[in-house]
Amino acid sequence: MAQVEPVVPTATSATPTPTPAPTAALDAGATAGVAAPVSSRPRNRIQVSREKRPLYFFISLAKKFLVTEDEVELSGLGLAVTTVVTVAEILKNTGYITISSTYKCARVCLC
């Protein structure tokens, strides 16, 4: 009788490996309908939300940013504008910052 050898699977798999997406749109800059890459935003910007985090989270985060950065930018839209102003006023009243400029879109630069 003939002896049958077992078949050993090889190291290659049958599933194809995913290829990375092209980054030409991100490298060329943001165009209509394409979001800007994360690295294009300033590193010292804090985007404040109204309901996701408590108020004192943003205060302590701004204090941590001021240790490494000269300027911190608080940014908020819609209902978060009141939170941005409150955080800026608390930091100003405690002596951590001076408000250098404000914008219509509730972006406050803190120095």
C-alpha atoms as a PDB file:
ATOM      1  CA  MET A   1       0.000   0.000   0.000  1.00  0.00           C
ATOM      2  CA  ALA A   2       1.284   3.495  -0.835  1.00  0.00           C
ATOM      3  CA  GLN A   3       1.910   5.890   2.006  1.00  0.00           C
ATOM      4  CA  VAL A   4       0.273   9.364   1.717  1.00  0.00           C
ATOM      5  CA  GLU A   5       2.132  12.325   3.142  1.00  0.00           C
ATOM      6  CA  PRO A   6       0.053  15.030   4.896  1.00  0.00           C
ATOM      7  CA  VAL A   7      -0.172  18.395   3.197  1.00  0.00           C
ATOM      8  CA  VAL A   8       1.432  21.183   5.280  1.00  0.00           C
ATOM      9  CA  PRO A   9       0.013  24.673   4.736  1.00  0.00           C
ATOM     10  CA  THR A  10       2.526  27.235   3.553  1.00  0.00           C
ATOM     11  CA  ALA A  11       3.235  30.604   5.129  1.00  0.00           C
ATOM     12  CA  THR A  12       1.405  32.571   2.439  1.00  0.00           C
ATOM     13  CA  SER A  13      -2.225  33.274   3.142  1.00  0.00           C
ATOM     14  CA  ALA A  14      -5.072  33.227   0.666  1.00  0.00           C
ATOM     15  CA  THR A  15      -6.346  36.658   1.721  1.00  0.00           C
ATOM     16  CA  PRO A  16      -4.770  39.631  -0.035  1.00  0.00           C
ATOM     17  CA  THR A  17      -2.979  42.253   2.003  1.00  0.00           C
ATOM     18  CA  PRO A  18      -4.604  45.686   2.020  1.00  0.00           C
ATOM     19  CA  THR A  19      -2.834  48.427   0.142  1.00  0.00           C
ATOM     20  CA  PRO A  20      -2.512  51.889   1.690  1.00  0.00           C
ATOM     21  CA  ALA A  21      -4.813  54.598   0.376  1.00  0.00           C
ATOM     22  CA  PRO A  22      -3.242  57.283  -1.804  1.00  0.00           C
ATOM     23  CA  THR A  23      -2.400  60.449   0.085  1.00  0.00           C
ATOM     24  CA  ALA A  24      -2.120  62.811  -2.878  1.00  0.00           C
ATOM     25  CA  ALA A  25      -5.315  64.660  -1.903  1.00  0.00           C
ATOM     26  CA  LEU A  26      -4.071  65.204   1.636  1.00  0.00           C
ATOM     27  CA  ASP A  27      -0.627  66.326   0.516  1.00  0.00           C
ATOM     28  CA  ALA A  28      -1.995  68.783  -2.037  1.00  0.00           C
ATOM     29  CA  GLY A  29      -4.148  70.517   0.573  1.00  0.00           C
ATOM     30  CA  ALA A  30      -7.815  70.553   1.345  1.00  0.00           C
ATOM     31  CA  THR A  31     -10.200  70.901  -1.566  1.00  0.00           C
ATOM     32  CA  ALA A  32     -13.962  71.167  -1.665  1.00  0.00           C
ATOM     33  CA  GLY A  33     -15.500  68.133  -0.003  1.00  0.00           C
ATOM     34  CA  VAL A  34     -12.179  66.814   1.330  1.00  0.00           C
ATOM     35  CA  ALA A  35     -11.331  67.305   4.982  1.00  0.00           C
ATOM     36  CA  ALA A  36      -8.025  68.941   5.840  1.00  0.00           C
ATOM     37  CA  PRO A  37      -5.388  66.666   7.334  1.00  0.00           C
ATOM     38  CA  VAL A  38      -5.146  66.662  11.102  1.00  0.00           C
ATOM     39  CA  SER A  39      -1.587  67.967  11.018  1.00  0.00           C
ATOM     40  CA  SER A  40      -2.684  71.251   9.390  1.00  0.00           C
ATOM     41  CA  ARG A  41      -4.506  72.359  12.552  1.00  0.00           C
ATOM     42  CA  PRO A  42      -2.491  74.334  15.084  1.00  0.00           C
ATOM     43  CA  ARG A  43      -1.105  72.238  17.899  1.00  0.00           C
ATOM     44  CA  ASN A  44      -2.176  74.796  20.494  1.00  0.00           C
ATOM     45  CA  ARG A  45      -5.905  74.774  19.615  1.00  0.00           C
ATOM     46  CA  ILE A  46      -8.410  73.301  22.059  1.00  0.00           C
ATOM     47  CA  GLN A  47     -11.772  72.533  20.495  1.00  0.00           C
ATOM     48  CA  VAL A  48     -14.293  72.999  23.271  1.00  0.00           C
ATOM     49  CA  SER A  49     -17.539  71.056  23.324  1.00  0.00           C
ATOM     50  CA  ARG A  50     -20.611  71.778  25.378  1.00  0.00           C
ATOM     51  CA  GLU A  51     -21.649  68.335  26.581  1.00  0.00           C
ATOM     52  CA  LYS A  52     -18.841  65.852  25.935  1.00  0.00           C
ATOM     53  CA  ARG A  53     -16.492  66.997  28.722  1.00  0.00           C
ATOM     54  CA  PRO A  54     -17.002  68.933  31.943  1.00  0.00           C
ATOM     55  CA  LEU A  55     -15.964  72.566  32.184  1.00  0.00           C
ATOM     56  CA  TYR A  56     -12.948  71.954  34.410  1.00  0.00           C
ATOM     57  CA  PHE A  57     -11.531  69.450  31.936  1.00  0.00           C
ATOM     58  CA  PHE A  58     -10.920  72.304  29.487  1.00  0.00           C
ATOM     59  CA  ILE A  59      -9.498  74.522  32.226  1.00  0.00           C
ATOM     60  CA  SER A  60      -6.927  71.913  33.256  1.00  0.00           C
ATOM     61  CA  LEU A  61      -6.178  71.117  29.612  1.00  0.00           C
ATOM     62  CA  ALA A  62      -5.501  74.803  28.873  1.00  0.00           C
ATOM     63  CA  LYS A  63      -3.178  74.975  31.890  1.00  0.00           C
ATOM     64  CA  LYS A  64      -1.258  71.942  30.592  1.00  0.00           C
ATOM     65  CA  PHE A  65      -0.987  73.518  27.138  1.00  0.00           C
ATOM     66  CA  LEU A  66       0.344  76.756  28.638  1.00  0.00           C
ATOM     67  CA  VAL A  67       3.245  74.844  30.186  1.00  0.00           C
ATOM     68  CA  THR A  68       4.605  73.913  26.754  1.00  0.00           C
ATOM     69  CA  GLU A  69       3.065  76.589  24.484  1.00  0.00           C
ATOM     70  CA  ASP A  70       3.227  80.384  24.622  1.00  0.00           C
ATOM     71  CA  GLU A  71      -0.294  80.757  23.315  1.00  0.00           C
ATOM     72  CA  VAL A  72      -3.428  78.604  23.540  1.00  0.00           C
ATOM     73  CA  GLU A  73      -6.419  78.941  21.261  1.00  0.00           C
ATOM     74  CA  LEU A  74      -9.858  77.955  22.551  1.00  0.00           C
ATOM     75  CA  SER A  75     -12.321  77.204  19.782  1.00  0.00           C
ATOM     76  CA  GLY A  76     -16.038  76.485  20.038  1.00  0.00           C
ATOM     77  CA  LEU A  77     -19.117  76.566  17.845  1.00  0.00           C
ATOM     78  CA  GLY A  78     -22.779  76.976  18.677  1.00  0.00           C
ATOM     79  CA  LEU A  79     -23.651  76.199  22.274  1.00  0.00           C
ATOM     80  CA  ALA A  80     -19.965  75.678  23.108  1.00  0.00           C
ATOM     81  CA  VAL A  81     -19.333  79.437  22.804  1.00  0.00           C
ATOM     82  CA  THR A  82     -20.507  79.986  26.387  1.00  0.00           C
ATOM     83  CA  THR A  83     -18.134  77.257  27.582  1.00  0.00           C
ATOM     84  CA  VAL A  84     -15.223  78.893  25.705  1.00  0.00           C
ATOM     85  CA  VAL A  85     -15.964  82.258  27.295  1.00  0.00           C
ATOM     86  CA  THR A  86     -16.370  80.714  30.757  1.00  0.00           C
ATOM     87  CA  VAL A  87     -13.066  78.822  30.502  1.00  0.00           C
ATOM     88  CA  ALA A  88     -11.293  81.969  29.279  1.00  0.00           C
ATOM     89  CA  GLU A  89     -12.767  84.094  32.068  1.00  0.00           C
ATOM     90  CA  ILE A  90     -11.845  81.570  34.786  1.00  0.00           C
ATOM     91  CA  LEU A  91      -8.278  81.367  33.501  1.00  0.00           C
ATOM     92  CA  LYS A  92      -8.074  85.172  33.256  1.00  0.00           C
ATOM     93  CA  ASN A  93      -9.450  85.733  36.777  1.00  0.00           C
ATOM     94  CA  THR A  94      -7.002  83.218  38.276  1.00  0.00           C
ATOM     95  CA  GLY A  95      -4.079  85.003  36.610  1.00  0.00           C
ATOM     96  CA  TYR A  96      -3.014  82.245  34.220  1.00  0.00           C
ATOM     97  CA  ILE A  97      -3.693  84.175  31.028  1.00  0.00           C
ATOM     98  CA  THR A  98      -4.348  87.475  29.372  1.00  0.00           C
ATOM     99  CA  ILE A  99      -6.806  87.446  26.488  1.00  0.00           C
ATOM    100  CA  SER A 100      -5.018  88.711  23.399  1.00  0.00           C
ATOM    101  CA  SER A 101      -7.812  88.609  20.828  1.00  0.00           C
ATOM    102  CA  THR A 102     -11.287  87.275  20.171  1.00  0.00           C
ATOM    103  CA  TYR A 103     -12.994  86.358  16.917  1.00  0.00           C
ATOM    104  CA  LYS A 104     -16.589  86.140  15.755  1.00  0.00           C
ATOM    105  CA  CYS A 105     -16.447  82.364  15.693  1.00  0.00           C
ATOM    106  CA  ALA A 106     -15.649  82.251  19.437  1.00  0.00           C
ATOM    107  CA  ARG A 107     -11.958  81.542  19.052  1.00  0.00           C
ATOM    108  CA  VAL A 108     -10.033  83.062  21.937  1.00  0.00           C
ATOM    109  CA  CYS A 109      -6.236  83.317  21.883  1.00  0.00           C
ATOM    110  CA  LEU A 110      -4.766  83.062  25.353  1.00  0.00           C
ATOM    111  CA  CYS A 111      -1.252  84.214  26.210  1.00  0.00           C
END
